[in-house]
Amino acid sequence: MNVNNIIRKMPEAINPVATANLQTTIQYKITEPMYLVINNGNCTVHDGIAPSSDLTLIMTDDNLAALLTGELNGITAFMSGKLKVEGDMMLAQRLPGFFDTSKLA
């Protein structure tokens, strides 16, 4: 499954408790850019570049797919240079708790 299809499944994997009071936009800079809008426990997926984002993740398609499905650890990816982060670093650290990776695999 390609990374864009995995991102499209993210609304099904959202953790509504962890995102209950959150309003944020997360941009994925990949071959075909996409972004998520999380609003009080709900998640919508959009193609392209967000008008503004709180967090931008920059990775190769394969590495992002591995990250989203739990095969690649975010801290390891960041420390090894596979993941570049722009924006809210605290949000980036909380991101793994926002989604159930088993629903994305």
C-alpha atoms as a PDB file:
ATOM      1  CA  MET A   1       0.000   0.000   0.000  1.00  0.00           C
ATOM      2  CA  ASN A   2       1.416   3.408  -0.879  1.00  0.00           C
ATOM      3  CA  VAL A   3       1.837   6.136   1.711  1.00  0.00           C
ATOM      4  CA  ASN A   4      -1.002   8.295   0.339  1.00  0.00           C
ATOM      5  CA  ASN A   5      -3.458   5.425   0.819  1.00  0.00           C
ATOM      6  CA  ILE A   6      -2.213   4.955   4.385  1.00  0.00           C
ATOM      7  CA  ILE A   7      -2.741   8.667   5.096  1.00  0.00           C
ATOM      8  CA  ARG A   8      -6.279   8.422   3.691  1.00  0.00           C
ATOM      9  CA  LYS A   9      -7.012   5.732   6.318  1.00  0.00           C
ATOM     10  CA  MET A  10      -5.915   7.946   9.221  1.00  0.00           C
ATOM     11  CA  PRO A  11      -9.414   9.261  10.095  1.00  0.00           C
ATOM     12  CA  GLU A  12     -10.383   5.632  10.882  1.00  0.00           C
ATOM     13  CA  ALA A  13      -7.364   5.283  13.185  1.00  0.00           C
ATOM     14  CA  ILE A  14      -7.724   8.545  15.138  1.00  0.00           C
ATOM     15  CA  ASN A  15      -7.700   8.342  18.929  1.00  0.00           C
ATOM     16  CA  PRO A  16     -10.617  10.635  19.840  1.00  0.00           C
ATOM     17  CA  VAL A  17      -9.610  10.787  23.515  1.00  0.00           C
ATOM     18  CA  ALA A  18      -6.022  11.882  22.784  1.00  0.00           C
ATOM     19  CA  THR A  19      -7.206  14.497  20.270  1.00  0.00           C
ATOM     20  CA  ALA A  20     -10.354  15.663  22.085  1.00  0.00           C
ATOM     21  CA  ASN A  21      -9.226  19.264  22.692  1.00  0.00           C
ATOM     22  CA  LEU A  22      -6.847  19.575  19.776  1.00  0.00           C
ATOM     23  CA  GLN A  23      -7.135  21.790  16.709  1.00  0.00           C
ATOM     24  CA  THR A  24      -4.136  21.387  14.451  1.00  0.00           C
ATOM     25  CA  THR A  25      -2.962  20.897  10.890  1.00  0.00           C
ATOM     26  CA  ILE A  26      -0.212  18.398  10.052  1.00  0.00           C
ATOM     27  CA  GLN A  27       1.488  18.596   6.662  1.00  0.00           C
ATOM     28  CA  TYR A  28       3.242  15.600   5.082  1.00  0.00           C
ATOM     29  CA  LYS A  29       5.865  16.688   2.533  1.00  0.00           C
ATOM     30  CA  ILE A  30       6.131  13.588   0.384  1.00  0.00           C
ATOM     31  CA  THR A  31       6.067  12.900  -3.368  1.00  0.00           C
ATOM     32  CA  GLU A  32       2.346  13.747  -3.479  1.00  0.00           C
ATOM     33  CA  PRO A  33       1.904  16.091  -0.473  1.00  0.00           C
ATOM     34  CA  MET A  34      -1.064  15.653   1.851  1.00  0.00           C
ATOM     35  CA  TYR A  35      -2.194  17.132   5.131  1.00  0.00           C
ATOM     36  CA  LEU A  36      -4.444  16.288   8.061  1.00  0.00           C
ATOM     37  CA  VAL A  37      -6.747  18.606   9.940  1.00  0.00           C
ATOM     38  CA  ILE A  38      -7.478  17.378  13.455  1.00  0.00           C
ATOM     39  CA  ASN A  39     -10.372  19.136  15.155  1.00  0.00           C
ATOM     40  CA  ASN A  40     -11.619  18.003  18.568  1.00  0.00           C
ATOM     41  CA  GLY A  41     -11.240  14.268  18.001  1.00  0.00           C
ATOM     42  CA  ASN A  42     -12.086  14.295  14.299  1.00  0.00           C
ATOM     43  CA  CYS A  43      -9.625  13.999  11.440  1.00  0.00           C
ATOM     44  CA  THR A  44      -9.939  14.951   7.790  1.00  0.00           C
ATOM     45  CA  VAL A  45      -7.419  14.269   5.016  1.00  0.00           C
ATOM     46  CA  HIS A  46      -6.608  16.669   2.194  1.00  0.00           C
ATOM     47  CA  ASP A  47      -4.411  16.485  -0.890  1.00  0.00           C
ATOM     48  CA  GLY A  48      -1.792  19.146  -1.518  1.00  0.00           C
ATOM     49  CA  ILE A  49      -0.217  21.815   0.649  1.00  0.00           C
ATOM     50  CA  ALA A  50      -2.104  23.255   3.621  1.00  0.00           C
ATOM     51  CA  PRO A  51      -2.657  27.026   3.686  1.00  0.00           C
ATOM     52  CA  SER A  52      -0.859  26.921   7.049  1.00  0.00           C
ATOM     53  CA  SER A  53       0.294  24.040   9.215  1.00  0.00           C
ATOM     54  CA  ASP A  54       1.317  23.628  12.831  1.00  0.00           C
ATOM     55  CA  LEU A  55       3.618  20.713  12.055  1.00  0.00           C
ATOM     56  CA  THR A  56       5.335  19.574   8.873  1.00  0.00           C
ATOM     57  CA  LEU A  57       6.929  16.147   8.519  1.00  0.00           C
ATOM     58  CA  ILE A  58       9.424  15.735   5.685  1.00  0.00           C
ATOM     59  CA  MET A  59      10.328  12.151   4.735  1.00  0.00           C
ATOM     60  CA  THR A  60      10.594   9.777   1.817  1.00  0.00           C
ATOM     61  CA  ASP A  61       7.371   7.976   0.960  1.00  0.00           C
ATOM     62  CA  ASP A  62       8.734   4.594   2.126  1.00  0.00           C
ATOM     63  CA  ASN A  63       9.967   5.942   5.457  1.00  0.00           C
ATOM     64  CA  LEU A  64       6.689   7.730   6.171  1.00  0.00           C
ATOM     65  CA  ALA A  65       4.741   4.558   5.375  1.00  0.00           C
ATOM     66  CA  ALA A  66       6.953   2.659   7.837  1.00  0.00           C
ATOM     67  CA  LEU A  67       6.501   5.388  10.463  1.00  0.00           C
ATOM     68  CA  LEU A  68       2.711   5.485  10.136  1.00  0.00           C
ATOM     69  CA  THR A  69       2.364   1.706  10.354  1.00  0.00           C
ATOM     70  CA  GLY A  70       4.622   1.422  13.398  1.00  0.00           C
ATOM     71  CA  GLU A  71       7.548  -0.239  11.604  1.00  0.00           C
ATOM     72  CA  LEU A  72       9.791   2.809  12.109  1.00  0.00           C
ATOM     73  CA  ASN A  73      10.188   4.638  15.421  1.00  0.00           C
ATOM     74  CA  GLY A  74       9.770   8.412  15.135  1.00  0.00           C
ATOM     75  CA  ILE A  75      12.652   9.267  17.479  1.00  0.00           C
ATOM     76  CA  THR A  76      14.960   6.881  15.641  1.00  0.00           C
ATOM     77  CA  ALA A  77      13.884   8.336  12.298  1.00  0.00           C
ATOM     78  CA  PHE A  78      14.497  11.888  13.546  1.00  0.00           C
ATOM     79  CA  MET A  79      17.878  11.116  15.102  1.00  0.00           C
ATOM     80  CA  SER A  80      19.073   9.275  11.982  1.00  0.00           C
ATOM     81  CA  GLY A  81      17.999  12.086   9.643  1.00  0.00           C
ATOM     82  CA  LYS A  82      15.206  10.107   7.969  1.00  0.00           C
ATOM     83  CA  LEU A  83      12.631  12.512   9.420  1.00  0.00           C
ATOM     84  CA  LYS A  84      12.805  16.286   9.325  1.00  0.00           C
ATOM     85  CA  VAL A  85      10.353  18.287  11.400  1.00  0.00           C
ATOM     86  CA  GLU A  86       9.257  21.889  10.955  1.00  0.00           C
ATOM     87  CA  GLY A  87       6.975  23.645  13.392  1.00  0.00           C
ATOM     88  CA  ASP A  88       5.667  22.485  16.761  1.00  0.00           C
ATOM     89  CA  MET A  89       8.177  19.947  18.128  1.00  0.00           C
ATOM     90  CA  MET A  90       5.987  19.247  21.174  1.00  0.00           C
ATOM     91  CA  LEU A  91       3.136  18.303  18.856  1.00  0.00           C
ATOM     92  CA  ALA A  92       5.509  16.010  16.938  1.00  0.00           C
ATOM     93  CA  GLN A  93       6.391  14.210  20.180  1.00  0.00           C
ATOM     94  CA  ARG A  94       2.697  13.674  20.991  1.00  0.00           C
ATOM     95  CA  LEU A  95       1.767  12.524  17.466  1.00  0.00           C
ATOM     96  CA  PRO A  96       2.287   8.746  18.000  1.00  0.00           C
ATOM     97  CA  GLY A  97      -0.519   8.723  20.591  1.00  0.00           C
ATOM     98  CA  PHE A  98      -3.013  10.300  18.187  1.00  0.00           C
ATOM     99  CA  PHE A  99      -3.445   7.229  15.954  1.00  0.00           C
ATOM    100  CA  ASP A 100      -3.810   3.448  16.286  1.00  0.00           C
ATOM    101  CA  THR A 101      -1.085   2.189  13.939  1.00  0.00           C
ATOM    102  CA  SER A 102      -2.625  -1.292  13.827  1.00  0.00           C
ATOM    103  CA  LYS A 103      -5.513   0.201  11.814  1.00  0.00           C
ATOM    104  CA  LEU A 104      -3.082   1.637   9.266  1.00  0.00           C
ATOM    105  CA  ALA A 105      -1.049  -1.489   8.508  1.00  0.00           C
END
